[in-house]
Amino acid sequence: MTTRTPPLLLHIEGKRVPGRDREQLLAENERLRAEVARLRAGEEPAELHQPVTAGGHLLWALNHSSPEVRLTMAGALLSAMRHSNDCFEGDHDTRLRLYKDRVARLEGALRAASEEASRLSEVSDGAGRGVALTIGFVLTQRSGGLV
């Protein structure tokens, strides 16, 4: 013969847990439902093949993942935040822009010097022509060949 457990009554090894009446259980149930709703607020469901492009997608992915996946995602987010902060503090974007400007100016100077050496090799004679050709050759033979 089987006995049916009344709804919302907690049992441990077939014994009723003392001190919990129906109103307390209903209140606890309501509190837990509100907590789940709070945790899920802002979720935007996304298909597994879609990239996470919004905060709501990230919340949905975190809330619907295993604990191991959540920990991996949290670690990746922390790592990205640290890297981003390091870049912000180091102002890498500005430094890269400055270095690119410096390279462009140096390339322009090398190009102008190479053109001048080429011009001098055409108008000079003898030793001057040899020096101009040598300088032009050296300027055009640097690594990368950008001149």
N, C-alpha and C. Protein backbone atom coordinates (compact mmCIF):
# COMPACT_ATOMS: atom_id res chain seq x y z
N MET A 1 0.83 -1.16 0.00
CA MET A 1 0.00 0.00 0.00
C MET A 1 0.90 1.25 0.00
N THR A 2 0.62 2.18 -0.90
CA THR A 2 1.42 3.41 -0.97
C THR A 2 0.63 4.56 -0.38
N THR A 3 1.35 5.43 0.29
CA THR A 3 0.70 6.62 0.83
C THR A 3 1.14 7.80 -0.01
N ARG A 4 0.24 8.70 -0.19
CA ARG A 4 0.51 9.88 -0.99
C ARG A 4 0.94 11.02 -0.08
N THR A 5 2.06 11.71 -0.46
CA THR A 5 2.54 12.84 0.33
C THR A 5 1.72 14.07 -0.04
N PRO A 6 1.17 14.75 0.95
CA PRO A 6 0.41 15.97 0.64
C PRO A 6 1.34 17.00 -0.01
N PRO A 7 0.84 17.82 -0.94
CA PRO A 7 1.68 18.81 -1.61
C PRO A 7 2.21 19.84 -0.61
N LEU A 8 3.43 20.32 -0.89
CA LEU A 8 4.10 21.38 -0.15
C LEU A 8 4.49 20.99 1.28
N LEU A 9 4.46 19.71 1.62
CA LEU A 9 4.94 19.28 2.92
C LEU A 9 6.26 18.57 2.73
N LEU A 10 7.29 19.03 3.38
CA LEU A 10 8.61 18.43 3.24
C LEU A 10 8.72 17.17 4.07
N HIS A 11 9.34 16.15 3.53
CA HIS A 11 9.56 14.90 4.24
C HIS A 11 11.02 14.51 4.12
N ILE A 12 11.59 14.01 5.18
CA ILE A 12 12.94 13.45 5.18
C ILE A 12 12.81 12.05 5.72
N GLU A 13 13.18 11.09 4.89
CA GLU A 13 13.06 9.67 5.27
C GLU A 13 11.65 9.35 5.78
N GLY A 14 10.67 9.89 5.11
CA GLY A 14 9.29 9.58 5.45
C GLY A 14 8.75 10.32 6.65
N LYS A 15 9.54 11.25 7.23
CA LYS A 15 9.07 11.97 8.42
C LYS A 15 8.85 13.43 8.07
N ARG A 16 7.83 13.99 8.62
CA ARG A 16 7.52 15.40 8.41
C ARG A 16 8.56 16.26 9.11
N VAL A 17 9.02 17.30 8.41
CA VAL A 17 9.98 18.23 8.99
C VAL A 17 9.23 19.15 9.94
N PRO A 18 9.67 19.22 11.18
CA PRO A 18 8.92 20.03 12.16
C PRO A 18 9.07 21.54 11.90
N GLY A 19 8.07 22.26 12.34
CA GLY A 19 8.14 23.73 12.32
C GLY A 19 7.82 24.37 10.99
N ARG A 20 7.31 23.64 10.01
CA ARG A 20 7.00 24.22 8.71
C ARG A 20 5.54 23.98 8.40
N ASP A 21 4.75 25.00 8.47
CA ASP A 21 3.35 24.83 8.11
C ASP A 21 3.15 25.30 6.66
N ARG A 22 1.95 25.14 6.19
CA ARG A 22 1.63 25.45 4.80
C ARG A 22 1.94 26.91 4.45
N GLU A 23 1.59 27.84 5.32
CA GLU A 23 1.85 29.26 5.04
C GLU A 23 3.34 29.55 4.92
N GLN A 24 4.13 28.94 5.80
CA GLN A 24 5.58 29.14 5.72
C GLN A 24 6.15 28.58 4.42
N LEU A 25 5.67 27.43 4.03
CA LEU A 25 6.14 26.82 2.79
C LEU A 25 5.73 27.64 1.57
N LEU A 26 4.49 28.16 1.59
CA LEU A 26 4.05 29.01 0.49
C LEU A 26 4.88 30.29 0.42
N ALA A 27 5.17 30.88 1.57
CA ALA A 27 5.99 32.09 1.60
C ALA A 27 7.41 31.79 1.09
N GLU A 28 7.97 30.67 1.51
CA GLU A 28 9.31 30.27 1.04
C GLU A 28 9.30 30.02 -0.46
N ASN A 29 8.27 29.36 -0.93
CA ASN A 29 8.13 29.10 -2.35
C ASN A 29 8.06 30.42 -3.13
N GLU A 30 7.29 31.36 -2.65
CA GLU A 30 7.16 32.67 -3.31
C GLU A 30 8.49 33.42 -3.30
N ARG A 31 9.19 33.36 -2.15
CA ARG A 31 10.50 34.02 -2.06
C ARG A 31 11.50 33.42 -3.05
N LEU A 32 11.50 32.10 -3.18
CA LEU A 32 12.41 31.43 -4.11
C LEU A 32 12.05 31.75 -5.56
N ARG A 33 10.76 31.80 -5.87
CA ARG A 33 10.35 32.16 -7.23
C ARG A 33 10.78 33.60 -7.56
N ALA A 34 10.64 34.50 -6.60
CA ALA A 34 11.07 35.89 -6.82
C ALA A 34 12.59 35.95 -7.03
N GLU A 35 13.33 35.14 -6.29
CA GLU A 35 14.79 35.12 -6.44
C GLU A 35 15.19 34.59 -7.82
N VAL A 36 14.54 33.54 -8.28
CA VAL A 36 14.81 33.02 -9.62
C VAL A 36 14.48 34.08 -10.67
N ALA A 37 13.35 34.75 -10.50
CA ALA A 37 12.96 35.81 -11.44
C ALA A 37 13.99 36.94 -11.44
N ARG A 38 14.49 37.30 -10.25
CA ARG A 38 15.52 38.35 -10.17
C ARG A 38 16.79 37.93 -10.89
N LEU A 39 17.20 36.68 -10.69
CA LEU A 39 18.42 36.19 -11.34
C LEU A 39 18.27 36.10 -12.85
N ARG A 40 17.06 35.83 -13.31
CA ARG A 40 16.83 35.68 -14.74
C ARG A 40 16.43 36.99 -15.42
N ALA A 41 16.24 38.05 -14.67
CA ALA A 41 15.83 39.34 -15.24
C ALA A 41 16.89 39.81 -16.24
N GLY A 42 16.43 40.24 -17.39
CA GLY A 42 17.34 40.77 -18.40
C GLY A 42 17.85 39.74 -19.39
N GLU A 43 17.52 38.47 -19.18
CA GLU A 43 17.97 37.43 -20.11
C GLU A 43 17.36 37.65 -21.49
N GLU A 44 18.16 37.38 -22.51
CA GLU A 44 17.68 37.36 -23.88
C GLU A 44 18.10 36.03 -24.48
N PRO A 45 17.15 35.11 -24.66
CA PRO A 45 17.53 33.80 -25.20
C PRO A 45 18.25 33.93 -26.54
N ALA A 46 19.26 33.11 -26.72
CA ALA A 46 20.03 33.08 -27.97
C ALA A 46 20.24 31.63 -28.37
N GLU A 47 20.26 31.40 -29.66
CA GLU A 47 20.54 30.05 -30.15
C GLU A 47 22.00 29.74 -29.88
N LEU A 48 22.30 28.46 -29.78
CA LEU A 48 23.67 28.06 -29.47
C LEU A 48 24.67 28.50 -30.53
N HIS A 49 24.24 28.60 -31.79
CA HIS A 49 25.15 28.97 -32.87
C HIS A 49 25.33 30.49 -32.98
N GLN A 50 24.51 31.26 -32.26
CA GLN A 50 24.62 32.72 -32.34
C GLN A 50 25.72 33.22 -31.40
N PRO A 51 26.44 34.26 -31.84
CA PRO A 51 27.43 34.83 -30.93
C PRO A 51 26.74 35.62 -29.81
N VAL A 52 27.40 35.72 -28.69
CA VAL A 52 26.89 36.50 -27.56
C VAL A 52 27.19 37.96 -27.88
N THR A 53 26.15 38.73 -28.22
CA THR A 53 26.35 40.11 -28.65
C THR A 53 25.72 41.13 -27.71
N ALA A 54 25.02 40.66 -26.69
CA ALA A 54 24.36 41.57 -25.76
C ALA A 54 24.48 41.01 -24.35
N GLY A 55 24.35 41.89 -23.38
CA GLY A 55 24.40 41.46 -22.00
C GLY A 55 23.33 40.44 -21.67
N GLY A 56 22.15 40.59 -22.26
CA GLY A 56 21.07 39.64 -22.03
C GLY A 56 21.41 38.25 -22.55
N HIS A 57 22.13 38.20 -23.69
CA HIS A 57 22.58 36.91 -24.21
C HIS A 57 23.56 36.26 -23.24
N LEU A 58 24.46 37.06 -22.70
CA LEU A 58 25.44 36.53 -21.75
C LEU A 58 24.74 36.00 -20.50
N LEU A 59 23.78 36.76 -19.98
CA LEU A 59 23.03 36.29 -18.81
C LEU A 59 22.33 34.97 -19.11
N TRP A 60 21.71 34.88 -20.28
CA TRP A 60 21.01 33.66 -20.65
C TRP A 60 21.99 32.49 -20.73
N ALA A 61 23.13 32.72 -21.38
CA ALA A 61 24.12 31.65 -21.52
C ALA A 61 24.65 31.21 -20.16
N LEU A 62 24.91 32.16 -19.28
CA LEU A 62 25.40 31.80 -17.94
C LEU A 62 24.35 31.03 -17.14
N ASN A 63 23.11 31.49 -17.19
CA ASN A 63 22.05 30.86 -16.40
C ASN A 63 21.64 29.50 -16.93
N HIS A 64 21.97 29.21 -18.18
CA HIS A 64 21.58 27.93 -18.77
C HIS A 64 22.79 27.03 -19.03
N SER A 65 23.88 27.27 -18.33
CA SER A 65 25.09 26.48 -18.49
C SER A 65 25.38 25.69 -17.22
N SER A 66 26.24 24.72 -17.38
CA SER A 66 26.67 23.94 -16.22
C SER A 66 27.60 24.79 -15.36
N PRO A 67 27.79 24.42 -14.12
CA PRO A 67 28.70 25.18 -13.25
C PRO A 67 30.11 25.27 -13.84
N GLU A 68 30.59 24.21 -14.48
CA GLU A 68 31.93 24.24 -15.06
C GLU A 68 32.03 25.28 -16.17
N VAL A 69 31.01 25.32 -17.03
CA VAL A 69 31.00 26.29 -18.13
C VAL A 69 30.90 27.70 -17.57
N ARG A 70 30.06 27.91 -16.55
CA ARG A 70 29.94 29.25 -15.94
C ARG A 70 31.27 29.70 -15.37
N LEU A 71 31.99 28.80 -14.70
CA LEU A 71 33.29 29.17 -14.13
C LEU A 71 34.30 29.49 -15.23
N THR A 72 34.27 28.73 -16.32
CA THR A 72 35.17 28.99 -17.44
C THR A 72 34.86 30.35 -18.06
N MET A 73 33.56 30.63 -18.26
CA MET A 73 33.16 31.92 -18.84
C MET A 73 33.54 33.07 -17.91
N ALA A 74 33.33 32.89 -16.62
CA ALA A 74 33.69 33.94 -15.65
C ALA A 74 35.20 34.19 -15.68
N GLY A 75 35.99 33.12 -15.75
CA GLY A 75 37.44 33.28 -15.83
C GLY A 75 37.86 34.02 -17.08
N ALA A 76 37.23 33.69 -18.21
CA ALA A 76 37.55 34.36 -19.47
C ALA A 76 37.16 35.84 -19.41
N LEU A 77 36.02 36.14 -18.80
CA LEU A 77 35.60 37.54 -18.66
C LEU A 77 36.58 38.32 -17.78
N LEU A 78 37.00 37.72 -16.67
CA LEU A 78 37.96 38.39 -15.80
C LEU A 78 39.29 38.63 -16.52
N SER A 79 39.74 37.64 -17.27
CA SER A 79 40.98 37.79 -18.02
C SER A 79 40.87 38.92 -19.05
N ALA A 80 39.75 38.96 -19.76
CA ALA A 80 39.54 40.03 -20.75
C ALA A 80 39.47 41.39 -20.08
N MET A 81 38.84 41.45 -18.91
CA MET A 81 38.75 42.72 -18.19
C MET A 81 40.14 43.19 -17.75
N ARG A 82 40.96 42.25 -17.25
CA ARG A 82 42.32 42.61 -16.85
C ARG A 82 43.12 43.12 -18.03
N HIS A 83 43.02 42.41 -19.16
CA HIS A 83 43.75 42.81 -20.37
C HIS A 83 43.29 44.19 -20.84
N SER A 84 41.99 44.39 -20.84
CA SER A 84 41.43 45.69 -21.24
C SER A 84 41.92 46.80 -20.31
N ASN A 85 41.92 46.53 -19.02
CA ASN A 85 42.38 47.53 -18.06
C ASN A 85 43.87 47.83 -18.26
N ASP A 86 44.66 46.79 -18.51
CA ASP A 86 46.09 47.01 -18.75
C ASP A 86 46.30 47.88 -19.98
N CYS A 87 45.52 47.62 -21.04
CA CYS A 87 45.63 48.44 -22.25
C CYS A 87 45.21 49.88 -21.97
N PHE A 88 44.14 50.04 -21.20
CA PHE A 88 43.68 51.39 -20.88
C PHE A 88 44.74 52.14 -20.09
N GLU A 89 45.29 51.46 -19.06
CA GLU A 89 46.31 52.11 -18.24
C GLU A 89 47.58 52.36 -19.04
N GLY A 90 47.94 51.45 -19.93
CA GLY A 90 49.14 51.63 -20.74
C GLY A 90 48.90 52.49 -21.96
N ASP A 91 47.64 52.79 -22.24
CA ASP A 91 47.25 53.60 -23.39
C ASP A 91 47.90 53.08 -24.67
N HIS A 92 47.77 51.78 -24.91
CA HIS A 92 48.40 51.14 -26.05
C HIS A 92 47.92 51.70 -27.38
N ASP A 93 46.65 52.04 -27.47
CA ASP A 93 46.14 52.57 -28.74
C ASP A 93 46.84 53.85 -29.13
N THR A 94 47.02 54.74 -28.16
CA THR A 94 47.71 56.00 -28.46
C THR A 94 49.16 55.74 -28.84
N ARG A 95 49.81 54.86 -28.10
CA ARG A 95 51.22 54.55 -28.42
C ARG A 95 51.35 53.94 -29.80
N LEU A 96 50.45 53.02 -30.15
CA LEU A 96 50.49 52.43 -31.49
C LEU A 96 50.30 53.50 -32.56
N ARG A 97 49.37 54.41 -32.32
CA ARG A 97 49.13 55.49 -33.28
C ARG A 97 50.37 56.36 -33.43
N LEU A 98 51.02 56.69 -32.30
CA LEU A 98 52.24 57.50 -32.35
C LEU A 98 53.36 56.78 -33.09
N TYR A 99 53.52 55.49 -32.83
CA TYR A 99 54.58 54.72 -33.50
C TYR A 99 54.30 54.60 -34.99
N LYS A 100 53.04 54.44 -35.37
CA LYS A 100 52.70 54.37 -36.80
C LYS A 100 53.00 55.70 -37.48
N ASP A 101 52.70 56.82 -36.80
CA ASP A 101 53.02 58.14 -37.35
C ASP A 101 54.53 58.30 -37.50
N ARG A 102 55.28 57.85 -36.50
CA ARG A 102 56.74 57.96 -36.55
C ARG A 102 57.30 57.12 -37.70
N VAL A 103 56.78 55.91 -37.88
CA VAL A 103 57.23 55.06 -38.98
C VAL A 103 56.92 55.72 -40.32
N ALA A 104 55.73 56.31 -40.45
CA ALA A 104 55.36 56.98 -41.70
C ALA A 104 56.31 58.14 -42.00
N ARG A 105 56.65 58.93 -40.95
CA ARG A 105 57.59 60.05 -41.17
C ARG A 105 58.97 59.55 -41.56
N LEU A 106 59.45 58.49 -40.91
CA LEU A 106 60.77 57.94 -41.24
C LEU A 106 60.79 57.35 -42.64
N GLU A 107 59.70 56.68 -43.01
CA GLU A 107 59.63 56.14 -44.37
C GLU A 107 59.65 57.27 -45.39
N GLY A 108 58.96 58.36 -45.08
CA GLY A 108 58.97 59.52 -45.98
C GLY A 108 60.37 60.12 -46.11
N ALA A 109 61.09 60.20 -44.99
CA ALA A 109 62.46 60.73 -45.03
C ALA A 109 63.36 59.81 -45.84
N LEU A 110 63.23 58.50 -45.66
CA LEU A 110 64.04 57.56 -46.44
C LEU A 110 63.71 57.65 -47.93
N ARG A 111 62.42 57.76 -48.24
CA ARG A 111 62.00 57.88 -49.63
C ARG A 111 62.59 59.15 -50.26
N ALA A 112 62.52 60.27 -49.51
CA ALA A 112 63.06 61.53 -50.04
C ALA A 112 64.57 61.43 -50.22
N ALA A 113 65.27 60.81 -49.28
CA ALA A 113 66.73 60.66 -49.40
C ALA A 113 67.08 59.77 -50.58
N SER A 114 66.30 58.70 -50.77
CA SER A 114 66.55 57.80 -51.90
C SER A 114 66.33 58.52 -53.22
N GLU A 115 65.28 59.32 -53.30
CA GLU A 115 65.01 60.08 -54.53
C GLU A 115 66.12 61.11 -54.80
N GLU A 116 66.59 61.74 -53.72
CA GLU A 116 67.68 62.71 -53.87
C GLU A 116 68.97 62.02 -54.33
N ALA A 117 69.26 60.83 -53.77
CA ALA A 117 70.45 60.09 -54.20
C ALA A 117 70.33 59.69 -55.66
N SER A 118 69.12 59.29 -56.08
CA SER A 118 68.90 58.93 -57.47
C SER A 118 69.10 60.14 -58.38
N ARG A 119 68.58 61.30 -57.97
CA ARG A 119 68.75 62.53 -58.75
C ARG A 119 70.22 62.92 -58.85
N LEU A 120 70.96 62.82 -57.72
CA LEU A 120 72.37 63.17 -57.72
C LEU A 120 73.19 62.22 -58.60
N SER A 121 72.79 60.94 -58.62
CA SER A 121 73.54 59.99 -59.45
C SER A 121 73.39 60.32 -60.94
N GLU A 122 72.29 60.98 -61.31
CA GLU A 122 72.06 61.33 -62.71
C GLU A 122 72.79 62.60 -63.12
N VAL A 123 73.00 63.54 -62.19
CA VAL A 123 73.63 64.81 -62.55
C VAL A 123 75.10 64.86 -62.18
N SER A 124 75.56 63.93 -61.36
CA SER A 124 76.97 63.93 -60.94
C SER A 124 77.78 63.07 -61.90
N ASP A 125 79.09 63.32 -61.84
CA ASP A 125 79.98 62.47 -62.62
C ASP A 125 81.10 61.97 -61.72
N GLY A 126 81.70 60.88 -62.10
CA GLY A 126 82.83 60.35 -61.38
C GLY A 126 82.48 59.83 -60.00
N ALA A 127 83.29 60.30 -59.01
CA ALA A 127 83.15 59.82 -57.64
C ALA A 127 81.80 60.21 -57.05
N GLY A 128 81.30 61.38 -57.36
CA GLY A 128 80.01 61.83 -56.84
C GLY A 128 78.89 60.92 -57.27
N ARG A 129 78.95 60.48 -58.53
CA ARG A 129 77.94 59.56 -59.04
C ARG A 129 78.02 58.23 -58.29
N GLY A 130 79.20 57.72 -58.04
CA GLY A 130 79.39 56.46 -57.32
C GLY A 130 78.86 56.55 -55.89
N VAL A 131 79.14 57.68 -55.23
CA VAL A 131 78.65 57.87 -53.86
C VAL A 131 77.12 57.92 -53.85
N ALA A 132 76.53 58.65 -54.78
CA ALA A 132 75.08 58.78 -54.85
C ALA A 132 74.43 57.42 -55.12
N LEU A 133 75.01 56.63 -56.04
CA LEU A 133 74.47 55.30 -56.33
C LEU A 133 74.57 54.38 -55.11
N THR A 134 75.68 54.48 -54.36
CA THR A 134 75.86 53.66 -53.16
C THR A 134 74.84 54.03 -52.10
N ILE A 135 74.69 55.34 -51.90
CA ILE A 135 73.70 55.80 -50.90
C ILE A 135 72.30 55.35 -51.30
N GLY A 136 71.94 55.49 -52.56
CA GLY A 136 70.63 55.06 -53.04
C GLY A 136 70.43 53.57 -52.85
N PHE A 137 71.48 52.78 -53.11
CA PHE A 137 71.39 51.34 -52.94
C PHE A 137 71.16 50.98 -51.47
N VAL A 138 71.93 51.58 -50.58
CA VAL A 138 71.80 51.31 -49.15
C VAL A 138 70.41 51.68 -48.65
N LEU A 139 69.89 52.81 -49.09
CA LEU A 139 68.57 53.26 -48.64
C LEU A 139 67.44 52.34 -49.11
N THR A 140 67.61 51.72 -50.27
CA THR A 140 66.54 50.86 -50.79
C THR A 140 66.69 49.40 -50.38
N GLN A 141 67.76 49.04 -49.70
CA GLN A 141 68.00 47.64 -49.35
C GLN A 141 67.69 47.31 -47.90
N ARG A 142 67.03 48.20 -47.18
CA ARG A 142 66.72 47.90 -45.78
C ARG A 142 65.65 46.82 -45.71
N SER A 143 65.48 46.20 -44.56
CA SER A 143 64.51 45.10 -44.42
C SER A 143 63.10 45.62 -44.63
N GLY A 144 62.31 44.83 -45.32
CA GLY A 144 60.92 45.20 -45.58
C GLY A 144 60.76 45.84 -46.94
N GLY A 145 61.78 46.49 -47.48
CA GLY A 145 61.71 47.07 -48.79
C GLY A 145 60.56 48.04 -48.99
N LEU A 146 60.28 48.91 -48.00
CA LEU A 146 59.15 49.82 -48.10
C LEU A 146 59.46 51.07 -48.90
N VAL A 147 60.75 51.33 -49.17
CA VAL A 147 61.09 52.54 -49.90
C VAL A 147 61.12 52.26 -51.37
